Amino acid sequence: MKEFKMDYDKENDDLLMYLDGTESFGGVELGDLIVDFDKKGNLVGMEILNASVFFSKAISNLIEITKIKTVEIEIVNFRNMSALQMKINMPNQTYRYTVLIPRISQSSPALMT
């Protein structure tokens, strides 16, 4: 698993997680989850809107986002889906959560020039 850097906007409750030194080529939006990939299809970033609500639903427990120490993310590709496996490290507990996203095999018309 790769450890992602985090920026949290407490006022808007948005959490941005990204690999330092990478660039997004395109993304997939799934409700409050926006997942960014590089040109090779590698996961390089993820934004979670309404992060407190997202994580409380994901782990069935209310957590304070500012207390997250690290988040590690691994992507596993299979058939036409990808699984984002997240490991959320808190001071006294670790949570694991998996998000399934569709794999896009066609370029977006918005990215074509």
Protein backbone atom coordinates (compact mmCIF):
# COMPACT_ATOMS: atom_id res chain seq x y z
CA MET A 1 0.00 0.00 0.00
CA LYS A 2 1.13 3.53 -0.73
CA GLU A 3 0.92 6.25 1.89
CA PHE A 4 -0.91 9.32 0.62
CA LYS A 5 -0.42 12.90 1.78
CA MET A 6 -3.54 14.61 3.11
CA ASP A 7 -5.03 18.10 3.15
CA TYR A 8 -8.26 18.63 5.07
CA ASP A 9 -10.54 21.63 4.56
CA LYS A 10 -12.40 21.67 7.87
CA GLU A 11 -14.76 24.48 6.82
CA ASN A 12 -16.08 22.48 3.84
CA ASP A 13 -15.36 19.02 5.32
CA ASP A 14 -13.38 17.98 2.22
CA LEU A 15 -10.39 15.63 2.42
CA LEU A 16 -7.81 15.56 -0.37
CA MET A 17 -5.40 12.59 -0.48
CA TYR A 18 -2.63 12.48 -3.07
CA LEU A 19 0.73 11.00 -3.96
CA ASP A 20 3.33 13.76 -3.85
CA GLY A 21 5.01 14.49 -7.19
CA THR A 22 2.28 12.94 -9.35
CA GLU A 23 -0.11 14.50 -11.85
CA SER A 24 -3.73 13.61 -12.56
CA PHE A 25 -4.68 12.80 -16.14
CA GLY A 26 -8.36 12.15 -15.45
CA GLY A 27 -10.78 11.10 -12.79
CA VAL A 28 -13.96 9.28 -11.91
CA GLU A 29 -16.63 10.92 -9.79
CA LEU A 30 -18.79 8.64 -7.64
CA GLY A 31 -21.03 10.85 -5.55
CA ASP A 32 -18.84 12.42 -2.84
CA LEU A 33 -15.78 10.45 -3.95
CA ILE A 34 -13.54 11.72 -6.77
CA VAL A 35 -10.70 9.40 -7.79
CA ASP A 36 -7.81 10.65 -9.97
CA PHE A 37 -5.52 8.55 -12.17
CA ASP A 38 -2.31 9.28 -14.10
CA LYS A 39 -1.79 8.53 -17.83
CA LYS A 40 -0.93 4.89 -17.04
CA GLY A 41 -4.12 4.37 -14.99
CA ASN A 42 -2.36 4.46 -11.62
CA LEU A 43 -4.22 5.98 -8.68
CA VAL A 44 -2.62 9.34 -7.82
CA GLY A 45 -5.26 11.12 -5.77
CA MET A 46 -8.65 11.07 -4.21
CA GLU A 47 -10.96 13.76 -2.88
CA ILE A 48 -13.73 12.99 -0.44
CA LEU A 49 -16.47 15.60 -0.15
CA ASN A 50 -18.39 15.60 3.14
CA ALA A 51 -15.56 13.48 4.55
CA SER A 52 -16.98 13.18 8.08
CA VAL A 53 -20.21 11.68 6.77
CA PHE A 54 -18.35 9.45 4.28
CA PHE A 55 -16.06 7.96 6.93
CA SER A 56 -18.78 7.58 9.57
CA LYS A 57 -20.82 5.54 7.05
CA ALA A 58 -17.77 3.64 5.81
CA ILE A 59 -16.59 2.48 9.22
CA SER A 60 -19.87 2.69 11.16
CA ASN A 61 -18.26 4.99 13.68
CA LEU A 62 -18.00 8.74 13.98
CA ILE A 63 -14.37 9.78 13.69
CA GLU A 64 -12.70 13.16 13.81
CA ILE A 65 -10.99 13.64 10.45
CA THR A 66 -8.26 15.83 11.94
CA LYS A 67 -7.13 12.87 14.08
CA ILE A 68 -6.30 10.67 11.08
CA LYS A 69 -2.56 10.04 11.20
CA THR A 70 -2.10 8.39 7.80
CA VAL A 71 -4.11 6.85 5.00
CA GLU A 72 -2.68 4.06 2.87
CA ILE A 73 -4.41 3.17 -0.38
CA GLU A 74 -3.95 0.25 -2.73
CA ILE A 75 -5.83 -0.30 -5.96
CA VAL A 76 -6.67 -3.80 -7.14
CA ASN A 77 -7.96 -4.16 -10.71
CA PHE A 78 -10.22 -7.01 -11.77
CA ARG A 79 -12.46 -7.45 -14.80
CA ASN A 80 -14.32 -4.16 -15.27
CA MET A 81 -13.96 -2.93 -11.67
CA SER A 82 -11.24 -1.60 -9.41
CA ALA A 83 -11.16 -1.90 -5.63
CA LEU A 84 -9.65 0.92 -3.62
CA GLN A 85 -8.50 -0.63 -0.38
CA MET A 86 -8.00 2.04 2.26
CA LYS A 87 -6.21 1.64 5.57
CA ILE A 88 -7.07 4.58 7.86
CA ASN A 89 -4.65 4.90 10.76
CA MET A 90 -5.90 6.72 13.87
CA PRO A 91 -3.92 7.21 17.11
CA ASN A 92 -5.38 4.10 18.82
CA GLN A 93 -7.11 2.21 16.03
CA THR A 94 -6.81 1.24 12.37
CA TYR A 95 -9.82 1.00 10.06
CA ARG A 96 -9.99 -0.73 6.69
CA TYR A 97 -12.48 0.14 3.99
CA THR A 98 -12.91 -0.91 0.35
CA VAL A 99 -14.57 1.16 -2.37
CA LEU A 100 -15.50 -0.43 -5.72
CA ILE A 101 -15.29 1.78 -8.79
CA PRO A 102 -15.93 1.01 -12.47
CA ARG A 103 -12.91 0.83 -14.77
CA ILE A 104 -13.20 3.14 -17.73
CA SER A 105 -11.69 1.75 -20.92
CA GLN A 106 -12.61 4.66 -23.19
CA SER A 107 -11.23 8.18 -23.14
CA SER A 108 -13.51 10.92 -21.97
CA PRO A 109 -14.64 13.33 -24.73
CA ALA A 110 -13.78 16.13 -22.29
CA LEU A 111 -10.10 15.06 -22.35
CA MET A 112 -9.82 14.76 -26.13
CA THR A 113 -8.15 17.60 -27.97
